[in-house]
Structure formats: C-alpha cells, structure tokens
Protein backbone atom coordinates (compact mmCIF):
# COMPACT_ATOMS: atom_id res chain seq x y z
CA MET A 1 14.49 67.41 -58.78
CA LYS A 2 11.33 69.44 -58.28
CA ARG A 3 9.22 66.37 -59.08
CA PHE A 4 11.15 64.38 -56.47
CA SER A 5 10.63 67.12 -53.87
CA LYS A 6 6.90 67.19 -54.55
CA THR A 7 6.75 63.42 -54.14
CA VAL A 8 8.51 63.60 -50.77
CA VAL A 9 6.16 66.35 -49.63
CA VAL A 10 3.12 64.29 -50.63
CA ILE A 11 4.43 61.25 -48.74
CA LEU A 12 5.14 63.34 -45.65
CA VAL A 13 1.66 64.83 -45.75
CA ILE A 14 0.14 61.34 -45.98
CA LEU A 15 2.25 60.10 -43.04
CA ILE A 16 1.29 63.13 -40.95
CA PHE A 17 -2.37 62.50 -41.74
CA ILE A 18 -2.15 58.80 -40.78
CA THR A 19 -0.25 59.64 -37.60
CA ALA A 20 -2.83 62.23 -36.63
CA LEU A 21 -5.60 59.72 -37.28
CA TRP A 22 -3.92 57.07 -35.06
CA ALA A 23 -3.36 59.64 -32.32
CA TRP A 24 -7.02 60.71 -32.52
CA LYS A 25 -8.11 57.03 -32.11
CA GLY A 26 -5.69 56.48 -29.20
CA GLU A 27 -3.66 53.85 -31.02
CA LEU A 28 -0.19 55.29 -30.46
CA LEU A 29 2.27 53.97 -27.89
CA PRO A 30 4.58 56.35 -26.04
CA GLY A 31 7.20 57.66 -28.48
CA GLY A 32 4.74 57.91 -31.35
CA LEU A 33 4.92 54.27 -32.47
CA PRO A 34 1.71 52.65 -33.72
CA ARG A 35 0.06 50.02 -31.53
CA PHE A 36 -1.46 46.94 -33.16
CA LEU A 37 -4.18 45.60 -30.88
CA PRO A 38 -4.46 41.83 -30.32
CA GLN A 39 -7.78 40.06 -30.47
CA LYS A 40 -9.87 41.12 -27.49
CA GLU A 41 -9.46 38.85 -24.43
CA THR A 42 -12.64 37.23 -23.24
CA ALA A 43 -13.33 35.36 -20.01
CA GLU A 44 -15.69 32.50 -20.64
CA GLU A 45 -16.76 29.05 -19.52
CA THR A 46 -16.75 29.49 -15.78
CA GLU A 47 -17.36 26.04 -14.32
CA SER A 48 -18.22 25.11 -10.76
CA LEU A 49 -17.36 21.60 -9.63
CA THR A 50 -18.74 20.54 -6.29
CA ALA A 51 -18.15 17.25 -4.51
CA SER A 52 -21.54 15.59 -4.64
CA GLU A 53 -22.87 13.55 -1.76
CA GLU A 54 -25.18 10.58 -1.65
CA SER A 55 -26.86 9.50 1.56
CA VAL A 56 -27.48 5.80 2.14
CA ASN A 57 -28.82 4.44 5.38
CA SER A 58 -26.84 1.72 7.12
CA THR A 59 -28.99 -1.36 7.65
CA GLU A 60 -27.82 -4.92 8.16
CA SER A 61 -24.06 -4.91 7.87
CA PRO A 62 -21.68 -2.12 8.95
CA THR A 63 -21.62 0.41 6.14
CA GLU A 64 -21.23 4.12 5.66
CA GLU A 65 -23.51 6.46 3.95
CA THR A 66 -21.74 9.48 2.55
CA VAL A 67 -18.46 9.74 0.67
CA PRO A 68 -18.08 12.77 -1.63
CA ALA A 69 -18.11 11.67 -5.25
CA ALA A 70 -15.17 13.94 -6.00
CA LEU A 71 -13.03 11.58 -3.96
CA GLN A 72 -14.37 8.47 -5.71
CA GLU A 73 -14.72 9.19 -9.40
CA GLU A 74 -11.51 7.62 -10.63
CA SER A 75 -11.38 3.95 -9.78
CA GLY A 76 -8.15 2.31 -8.68
CA THR A 77 -7.02 -0.43 -6.35
CA GLU A 78 -3.70 -0.96 -4.69
CA GLN A 79 -0.88 -1.34 -7.20
CA GLU A 80 2.38 -3.10 -6.58
CA GLY A 81 5.60 -1.78 -8.02
CA GLN A 82 4.47 1.84 -7.92
CA GLY A 83 7.01 2.80 -5.30
CA THR A 84 6.13 4.71 -2.17
CA PRO A 85 6.16 8.49 -2.53
CA SER A 86 7.93 10.68 -0.03
CA VAL A 87 5.54 12.22 2.46
CA SER A 88 5.89 15.58 4.21
CA GLN A 89 3.65 17.47 6.59
CA GLU A 90 3.29 20.31 4.07
CA THR A 91 2.06 18.04 1.29
CA GLY A 92 1.19 14.38 1.75
CA TYR A 93 1.03 10.93 0.19
CA ALA A 94 -1.16 11.89 -2.75
CA TYR A 95 1.12 14.84 -3.56
CA GLY A 96 4.07 12.49 -3.91
CA LEU A 97 2.29 10.55 -6.66
CA LEU A 98 1.82 13.60 -8.90
CA ALA A 99 4.00 14.65 -11.81
CA GLU A 100 6.11 17.79 -11.41
CA GLU A 101 3.60 20.00 -13.27
CA GLU A 102 0.77 18.65 -11.10
CA GLN A 103 2.76 19.21 -7.90
CA GLN A 104 3.23 22.85 -8.86
CA LEU A 105 -0.50 23.08 -9.50
CA TYR A 106 -1.19 21.36 -6.14
CA ARG A 107 0.82 24.02 -4.31
CA GLU A 108 -0.93 26.85 -6.15
CA MET A 109 -4.41 25.47 -5.53
CA LEU A 110 -3.63 24.70 -1.88
CA GLN A 111 -2.40 28.25 -1.34
CA ALA A 112 -5.52 29.64 -3.01
CA ILE A 113 -7.84 27.47 -0.91
CA THR A 114 -6.20 28.22 2.44
CA GLY A 115 -5.72 31.91 1.61
CA PHE A 116 -9.42 32.71 1.30
CA GLY A 117 -8.42 35.23 -1.36
CA ARG A 118 -9.77 36.11 -4.76
CA ALA A 119 -9.36 33.75 -7.71
CA ALA A 120 -5.72 32.80 -8.27
CA GLU A 121 -4.10 32.39 -11.66
CA LEU A 122 -2.73 28.87 -12.17
CA SER A 123 0.40 27.79 -14.00
CA THR A 124 -1.48 25.29 -16.17
CA LEU A 125 -3.69 25.84 -19.20
CA ASN A 126 -5.13 22.33 -18.95
CA PRO A 127 -8.41 22.33 -16.98
CA ASP A 128 -8.47 18.51 -16.94
CA LEU A 129 -5.68 18.55 -14.34
CA LEU A 130 -7.71 20.44 -11.76
CA GLU A 131 -10.02 17.66 -10.55
CA PRO A 132 -7.37 14.99 -9.82
CA VAL A 133 -5.14 17.58 -8.15
CA PHE A 134 -8.04 18.90 -6.06
CA ASN A 135 -8.87 15.32 -5.02
CA SER A 136 -5.23 14.83 -3.98
CA ILE A 137 -5.33 17.99 -1.86
CA MET A 138 -8.48 16.89 -0.07
CA ALA A 139 -7.06 13.39 0.52
CA ASP A 140 -3.90 14.85 2.06
CA HIS A 141 -5.39 17.70 4.11
CA PRO A 142 -8.16 16.86 6.60
CA GLU A 143 -7.69 20.30 8.15
CA ILE A 144 -9.44 21.78 5.09
CA PHE A 145 -12.94 21.35 6.46
CA TYR A 146 -14.40 24.52 4.96
CA VAL A 147 -14.33 23.70 1.23
CA ASP A 148 -16.63 21.32 -0.62
CA GLY A 149 -15.53 22.03 -4.19
CA TYR A 150 -13.97 24.64 -6.42
CA THR A 151 -14.61 27.06 -9.27
CA TYR A 152 -12.33 27.78 -12.20
CA THR A 153 -12.57 30.24 -15.08
CA LYS A 154 -11.00 29.76 -18.49
CA HIS A 155 -9.83 33.05 -20.03
CA THR A 156 -9.56 32.68 -23.79
CA LEU A 157 -8.13 34.50 -26.78
CA GLY A 158 -10.44 33.30 -29.48
CA GLU A 159 -10.42 29.51 -29.18
CA GLU A 160 -7.12 29.44 -27.29
CA ILE A 161 -7.00 29.32 -23.46
CA HIS A 162 -4.95 32.27 -22.26
CA LYS A 163 -5.08 31.57 -18.52
CA ILE A 164 -7.07 29.69 -15.85
CA THR A 165 -8.08 31.17 -12.52
CA PHE A 166 -9.14 29.06 -9.55
CA SER A 167 -10.89 29.52 -6.21
CA GLY A 168 -12.36 27.22 -3.57
CA GLN A 169 -16.06 26.92 -2.84
CA TYR A 170 -16.32 27.77 0.84
CA THR A 171 -18.95 26.44 3.21
CA LEU A 172 -17.87 28.70 6.08
CA THR A 173 -16.66 32.26 6.55
CA GLN A 174 -13.13 32.99 7.75
CA GLU A 175 -14.49 33.93 11.16
CA GLN A 176 -16.40 30.64 11.41
CA VAL A 177 -13.26 28.76 10.39
CA ARG A 178 -11.21 30.50 13.09
CA GLU A 179 -13.79 29.64 15.75
CA ARG A 180 -13.78 25.98 14.75
CA GLU A 181 -10.00 25.85 14.60
CA GLU A 182 -9.85 27.01 18.22
CA GLY A 183 -12.13 24.13 19.25
CA ILE A 184 -10.12 21.67 17.16
CA GLU A 185 -6.93 22.84 18.85
CA ARG A 186 -8.44 22.32 22.32
CA TYR A 187 -9.53 18.78 21.42
CA SER A 188 -6.13 17.99 19.92
CA ARG A 189 -4.26 19.09 23.05
CA GLN A 190 -6.48 16.89 25.20
CA ALA A 191 -6.31 13.93 22.82
CA LEU A 192 -2.52 14.03 22.61
CA ALA A 193 -1.84 14.83 26.27
CA GLY A 194 -0.93 11.21 27.03
CA ILE A 195 1.62 10.92 24.23
CA HIS A 196 5.25 10.87 25.34
CA THR A 197 8.61 10.60 23.59
CA GLY A 198 9.18 7.00 24.66
CA MET A 199 6.32 5.75 22.49
CA ASP A 200 6.87 4.18 19.09
CA ASP A 201 4.48 4.72 16.18
CA TYR A 202 2.33 1.73 17.12
CA GLN A 203 1.79 2.99 20.65
CA LYS A 204 0.97 6.50 19.45
CA ILE A 205 -1.48 5.24 16.84
CA LYS A 206 -3.22 2.93 19.30
CA TYR A 207 -3.46 5.75 21.85
CA ILE A 208 -5.22 8.19 19.51
CA TYR A 209 -7.33 5.35 18.05
CA ASP A 210 -8.60 4.49 21.53
CA TYR A 211 -9.09 8.11 22.57
CA MET A 212 -11.01 9.13 19.47
CA ILE A 213 -13.30 6.10 19.46
CA GLU A 214 -14.07 6.41 23.17
CA HIS A 215 -14.98 10.08 22.71
CA THR A 216 -17.07 9.71 19.53
CA ASP A 217 -20.54 8.30 18.89
CA TYR A 218 -21.63 7.09 15.48
CA ARG A 219 -24.61 9.15 14.29
CA LEU A 220 -25.98 9.43 10.77
CA ASP A 221 -27.32 12.92 11.44
CA ALA A 222 -24.18 14.27 13.11
CA PRO A 223 -23.52 17.93 12.20
CA GLU A 224 -20.72 18.58 9.70
CA ASN A 225 -20.26 14.81 9.50
CA GLN A 226 -18.03 14.87 6.41
CA THR A 227 -15.29 16.82 8.21
CA ILE A 228 -13.11 16.67 11.31
CA CYS A 229 -15.44 19.16 13.02
CA SER A 230 -18.02 16.46 13.68
CA VAL A 231 -15.58 14.46 15.82
CA PHE A 232 -13.61 17.29 17.41
CA LEU A 233 -16.44 19.73 18.13
CA TYR A 234 -19.56 17.59 18.48
CA GLY A 235 -18.29 14.14 19.48
CA GLU A 236 -20.34 12.34 16.84
CA SER A 237 -19.76 11.47 13.20
CA VAL A 238 -19.87 8.98 10.32
CA CYS A 239 -17.08 7.24 8.41
CA GLN A 240 -15.70 10.28 6.59
CA GLY A 241 -15.49 12.24 9.82
CA TYR A 242 -13.88 9.35 11.73
CA ALA A 243 -11.30 8.80 9.00
CA LYS A 244 -10.37 12.46 8.55
CA ALA A 245 -10.16 13.07 12.30
CA PHE A 246 -7.85 10.08 12.74
CA GLN A 247 -5.74 11.28 9.80
CA PHE A 248 -5.53 14.75 11.36
CA LEU A 249 -4.34 13.44 14.74
CA CYS A 250 -1.74 11.23 13.04
CA GLY A 251 -0.49 14.32 11.24
CA ARG A 252 -0.14 16.18 14.53
CA LEU A 253 2.15 13.37 15.68
CA GLY A 254 4.20 13.45 12.48
CA ILE A 255 2.80 10.10 11.33
CA PRO A 256 1.93 10.11 7.61
CA ALA A 257 -1.68 9.12 6.89
CA VAL A 258 -3.94 9.34 3.85
CA LEU A 259 -7.69 9.11 3.38
CA VAL A 260 -8.85 5.97 1.55
CA THR A 261 -12.28 5.55 -0.02
CA GLY A 262 -14.10 2.51 -1.30
CA ARG A 263 -16.91 0.17 -0.37
CA VAL A 264 -17.71 -2.54 2.10
CA LYS A 265 -18.99 -6.03 1.34
CA ASN A 266 -22.58 -5.05 0.60
CA GLY A 267 -21.49 -2.31 -1.79
CA GLU A 268 -22.11 0.72 0.41
CA PRO A 269 -19.58 3.62 0.29
CA HIS A 270 -17.05 3.79 3.08
CA ALA A 271 -13.90 5.69 4.10
CA TRP A 272 -10.90 4.73 6.22
CA ASP A 273 -7.14 5.43 6.47
CA MET A 274 -3.73 4.20 5.42
CA VAL A 275 -0.89 5.06 7.84
CA LEU A 276 2.88 4.72 7.90
CA ALA A 277 3.89 3.08 11.19
CA ASP A 278 7.53 2.45 11.97
CA GLY A 279 8.42 2.49 8.28
CA GLU A 280 5.60 0.24 6.98
CA TRP A 281 2.18 1.05 5.53
CA TYR A 282 -0.97 -0.35 7.16
CA TYR A 283 -4.71 0.18 6.95
CA VAL A 284 -6.76 1.50 9.87
CA ASP A 285 -10.55 1.72 9.97
CA PRO A 286 -11.47 3.86 12.99
CA THR A 287 -15.21 3.67 12.27
CA TRP A 288 -15.15 -0.11 12.47
CA GLY A 289 -13.05 0.31 15.59
CA ASP A 290 -16.16 1.61 17.33
CA ALA A 291 -17.51 -1.65 18.76
CA TYR A 292 -20.91 -0.12 19.52
CA TYR A 293 -21.32 0.86 15.89
CA LEU A 294 -19.96 -2.43 14.54
CA MET A 295 -22.13 -4.74 16.62
CA GLY A 296 -25.25 -2.63 17.06
CA ASP A 297 -27.07 -1.87 20.28
CA ASP A 298 -29.58 -4.70 19.86
CA ASP A 299 -27.18 -7.47 18.84
CA PRO A 300 -28.19 -10.55 20.90
CA ALA A 301 -24.57 -11.65 21.23
CA TRP A 302 -23.96 -8.77 23.64
CA GLN A 303 -27.09 -9.06 25.76
CA GLY A 304 -26.11 -9.22 29.42
CA LYS A 305 -22.40 -9.21 28.57
CA THR A 306 -19.56 -6.75 29.04
CA ARG A 307 -19.18 -4.93 25.76
CA PRO A 308 -15.76 -3.52 24.82
CA SER A 309 -15.90 0.04 23.51
CA VAL A 310 -13.09 -0.54 21.01
CA ASN A 311 -12.68 -3.24 18.36
CA TYR A 312 -9.12 -3.85 17.15
CA ASP A 313 -9.74 -6.08 14.14
CA TYR A 314 -8.95 -3.18 11.79
CA LEU A 315 -6.09 -1.52 13.63
CA LEU A 316 -2.97 -1.71 11.44
CA VAL A 317 -3.94 -4.50 9.05
CA THR A 318 -2.59 -5.72 5.73
CA THR A 319 -4.18 -5.31 2.32
CA GLN A 320 -5.08 -9.00 2.32
CA GLN A 321 -6.87 -8.70 5.66
CA LEU A 322 -8.67 -5.51 4.65
CA LEU A 323 -9.96 -6.95 1.37
CA GLN A 324 -11.88 -9.63 3.25
CA THR A 325 -14.50 -6.97 4.00
CA HIS A 326 -13.50 -3.80 2.11
CA LYS A 327 -13.04 -2.86 -1.54
CA ILE A 328 -10.58 -0.08 -2.36
CA ASP A 329 -11.84 2.45 -4.91
CA ASN A 330 -9.35 5.28 -4.58
CA ALA A 331 -8.56 8.03 -7.06
CA PHE A 332 -4.83 7.21 -6.86
CA PRO A 333 -2.78 4.03 -6.39
CA LEU A 334 -1.93 2.68 -2.95
CA PRO A 335 0.93 0.38 -1.98
CA GLU A 336 0.43 -3.25 -1.06
CA CYS A 337 0.42 -3.39 2.74
CA THR A 338 2.06 -6.65 3.77
CA SER A 339 3.72 -6.11 7.15
CA MET A 340 2.26 -7.64 10.31
CA THR A 341 4.90 -6.19 12.62
CA ASP A 342 2.68 -3.48 14.10
CA ASN A 343 -0.63 -5.29 13.79
CA TYR A 344 -2.57 -4.95 17.05
CA TYR A 345 -2.82 -8.69 17.76
CA VAL A 346 0.86 -9.25 16.99
CA ARG A 347 1.97 -6.42 19.27
CA GLU A 348 -0.37 -7.53 22.06
CA ASN A 349 0.82 -11.15 21.83
CA ALA A 350 -2.65 -12.35 20.82
CA TYR A 351 -1.77 -13.58 17.31
CA PHE A 352 -1.63 -17.36 16.85
CA GLU A 353 0.08 -19.25 14.05
CA SER A 354 -0.78 -22.51 15.81
CA VAL A 355 -2.67 -23.67 18.90
CA ASP A 356 -0.12 -22.68 21.54
CA GLU A 357 -1.36 -23.67 25.01
CA THR A 358 1.26 -21.66 26.91
CA LYS A 359 0.50 -18.56 24.90
CA LEU A 360 -3.24 -19.08 25.45
CA SER A 361 -2.72 -19.45 29.19
CA ASN A 362 -0.72 -16.20 29.33
CA LEU A 363 -3.31 -14.35 27.24
CA PHE A 364 -6.24 -15.33 29.46
CA ALA A 365 -4.25 -14.71 32.66
CA ARG A 366 -3.42 -11.21 31.44
CA GLY A 367 -7.09 -10.62 30.64
CA TYR A 368 -8.07 -11.44 34.23
CA GLU A 369 -5.23 -9.37 35.70
CA GLU A 370 -6.19 -6.31 33.65
CA ASP A 371 -9.88 -6.87 34.37
CA LYS A 372 -10.75 -6.59 30.69
CA GLY A 373 -13.90 -8.67 30.90
CA ILE A 374 -13.19 -10.12 27.47
CA VAL A 375 -10.23 -11.71 25.66
CA THR A 376 -9.84 -11.64 21.89
CA LEU A 377 -7.34 -13.65 19.88
CA LYS A 378 -6.55 -13.69 16.18
CA CYS A 379 -5.52 -16.72 14.10
CA ALA A 380 -3.09 -16.52 11.20
CA ASP A 381 -5.33 -18.26 8.67
CA GLN A 382 -8.39 -20.44 8.17
CA THR A 383 -6.57 -23.63 9.17
CA VAL A 384 -5.35 -22.24 12.48
CA TYR A 385 -8.76 -20.67 13.07
CA GLN A 386 -10.52 -24.01 12.66
CA ASP A 387 -7.94 -25.82 14.80
CA MET A 388 -8.41 -23.22 17.53
CA LYS A 389 -12.19 -23.62 17.51
CA ASN A 390 -11.89 -27.40 17.58
CA THR A 391 -9.50 -27.26 20.53
CA LEU A 392 -11.20 -24.61 22.63
CA LEU A 393 -14.83 -25.37 21.84
CA ASP A 394 -15.27 -28.90 20.54
CA ASP A 395 -12.67 -30.33 22.93
CA GLN A 396 -13.74 -27.83 25.63
CA LYS A 397 -10.16 -26.80 26.38
CA ILE A 398 -11.46 -23.28 26.93
CA PHE A 399 -12.29 -24.28 30.51
CA ASP A 400 -8.58 -24.77 31.17
CA TYR A 401 -8.24 -20.98 30.86
CA LEU A 402 -11.53 -19.70 32.29
CA ARG A 403 -11.69 -19.18 36.03
CA GLY A 404 -14.55 -19.92 38.40
CA ASP A 405 -16.58 -23.01 39.17
CA ASN A 406 -19.52 -21.75 37.13
CA ALA A 407 -17.57 -20.48 34.14
CA SER A 408 -19.37 -20.63 30.80
CA ALA A 409 -17.86 -20.46 27.34
CA ALA A 410 -19.60 -17.40 25.94
CA TYR A 411 -17.89 -16.19 22.79
CA VAL A 412 -18.20 -14.29 19.50
CA ASP A 413 -16.28 -15.26 16.37
CA THR A 414 -15.47 -13.17 13.29
CA GLN A 415 -14.62 -15.51 10.46
CA GLU A 416 -13.45 -12.82 8.02
CA GLN A 417 -10.67 -11.78 10.40
CA PHE A 418 -10.19 -15.21 12.09
CA THR A 419 -10.82 -13.78 15.55
CA LEU A 420 -12.43 -15.32 18.63
CA SER A 421 -13.61 -13.31 21.65
CA PHE A 422 -14.34 -14.96 25.02
CA TRP A 423 -16.01 -13.36 28.03
CA LEU A 424 -14.24 -13.67 31.37
CA GLU A 425 -17.41 -13.51 33.48
C-alpha cells in the first residue's frame, strides 16, 4: 500500500512538472489543457498576372492593334449545341457558361475588384481557375475600366494550399475612377436621350450604334484606348474601346452584349461584340461601322463624293457573314448566329434575294427623299450579287433608278458582304 502511494506521488510530481513546463512555454489552452501546435502557416508564391498588350500598326486593310492577351489566350470558335446561357445585368454571358464553383469564384472576384479593398479570400484552392474566371469578368463588365490584371497569393501549410487571396491590379485611384464615372454618366445620358419605349431592340441598337460612331474618331494614340473612357471621355479610340463602349451602352438599355476577340483577314488582332436582339444573337462590329476608318481618308473611291459616316455591313450579322472577314478566337464558346431578322439591310428593306425591280425602285426613291446621297443594297449570296451587277451595271439598268439628265453610275462594291453602294449625285 505504501509502495502504491509512493508511485502515485511520483506520477503526480511528474505531471505537475510537465504542466508547469507547458505553462512556462505558453502551450496551455484555457482550462489547463495542452495545445498541440500545427505546422506553421506560410504565405508563399505570390503571383501577379497582368493582361499584356501588343501594339500593331494598321496598314493596308482594316485591322486593330491592341487586344489584351489575357482575353485571347484560350482559343475557341463558335460551338453549336452548347446552349445559350442565361444573361443578367449583374453577371453576363460569360458567367452563364461557368460551372457552379466558377460562378461562385466569379462573384467573389468581382466583389473584390469593384470593392477596391484589401486582398479577399477566395472559396477555391485551385489557382488555375482564376485566369479563365477573370477573363469572363472582363468580357462581361466593360464598366471595369480601372483594372488591367490581378494578383493572388497562395497560403500554404507545408506543400498543401491552405487558402488563396485575390486582389485586382488597379490603374487608377478610387478618386480618379469616380471622376471618370461622372463623365461616363453624362455621355450615357446624352447618348440614350433619343431612346423611347416604343423602340424594339433593333431600333435601340441602331440608335446607339449611329450615335457612338458619329461621336468617335478612330485614333491609334487615343488615351485609355483599351477602355470605355476613350470613347466616352475623349471621343476617340481603337477597336477595344469601340467594342466595350458599345457593350456598355447596350447594357444600359438592358440588351445583353459580350465582348468578342479574334483576328481579321490579315491576321491582326481585333475586338467586336455579340448582342442579343429580340431574342436572337447577332454580331456587331462598331469599329468597322466607322466608315471613315474603314475606307481611309485617302481612298480614291471617295474623292469628290459624299461619304457616309456610318457603314452598316457589320450591324447585326450572322456568324457566316462575319467569318468572311473575321476569325473568332475567344476564351469561351459562342453560339452560332443564324438569324437575319434584325439584320440592318433586312430591316431597312435593302436586302435582295433576287433582282427585284420594284424593290430597287422603292429603295432609290427613298434614298432621294431622305437626301442620303448614297444608296447601299445587300445581296443574299454570290449568285444574286453577280446577277445584280450584271443587271445594274452591264445592262445599265441603274439609270432607270438614278435621277437627272447627267447622272453617272458611281459605285463601290464589297464582295465579302455582297453589297453595292451607288451615289445619288
């Protein structure tokens, strides 16, 4: 019994000694329980990813010079059978293509970017998801003109990622952003002043297309030319600015639009839009809608002639029509655009599926009545296009529609889009 008591006393003394040692080292939790420390957390591998830019001068054919690489890296063309995602003003087309985990990440990153706060912890531990989600955000949100990339930090426990924090890379201060937003709001009110409730989507889209092009000059050295600021604040831009500004105005009207990137025929980078008009998707290229940019100031075809300020060949066109001159190289799939219902030439009764003399007579008469100075018609395909040229030019039927004793058949043709333009002078 005494031996047992001595043993107990020895054990108690040892326990008291160990407890005192733990307490001295600060390794006791409240209540006197020992604390076993995990491996020390380390924050490592902070990576900064910035959308790179490459400047290429436009020379012979209409091209654009700067499209951020972050919006081009993953190659993809339009894909049929993908289904069309739902689009909301809070998110966008690209958001609708993401998986549920990516959509959650999209919302977190968007909140972090627009909040101008410190680095936000993300719900994912997979850093490979950040770039495609960031690209989707930038494709959906032209109003984010103050970020050109992002930074993320991987926090690890040994070799295992414990958490990822994210923040945008800002090109402007919050005060500078607020100042620009005030100017953007003023422009938007003026640009949309002529919109009324009786308009359908086509009429709204054409209205802002006309307004923006007539109030913007194409300039390679335009300030902030990769954002909406170049158009809305300075009245000059390049393709990325045109496309984002048009997308922004569509969004203000509740018309879904998404930024599309790719290349034109000679391989130069370019940017344009895809819009949802009256329930159907179409492509719109507002840069190529600027007739002064498209033709060039020194083009001999325009010398001494009335030059229209707006070109409508790329207003609400199909995928097939677009691919005659453009190559899609987007980071996410796009639907096949097949509808012609809201195409400009269809809506303006200038689309010909055959040589229709009555329709031609009405088209030219309307051109004179509206004092347009020029009439443009579009043919359905190569066969109709050739028949139209044979009839109007080879057979000289054009003089049945031109007025004046000294009328001359001055025209410009665009074979890729099967269009013919005739001056009414």
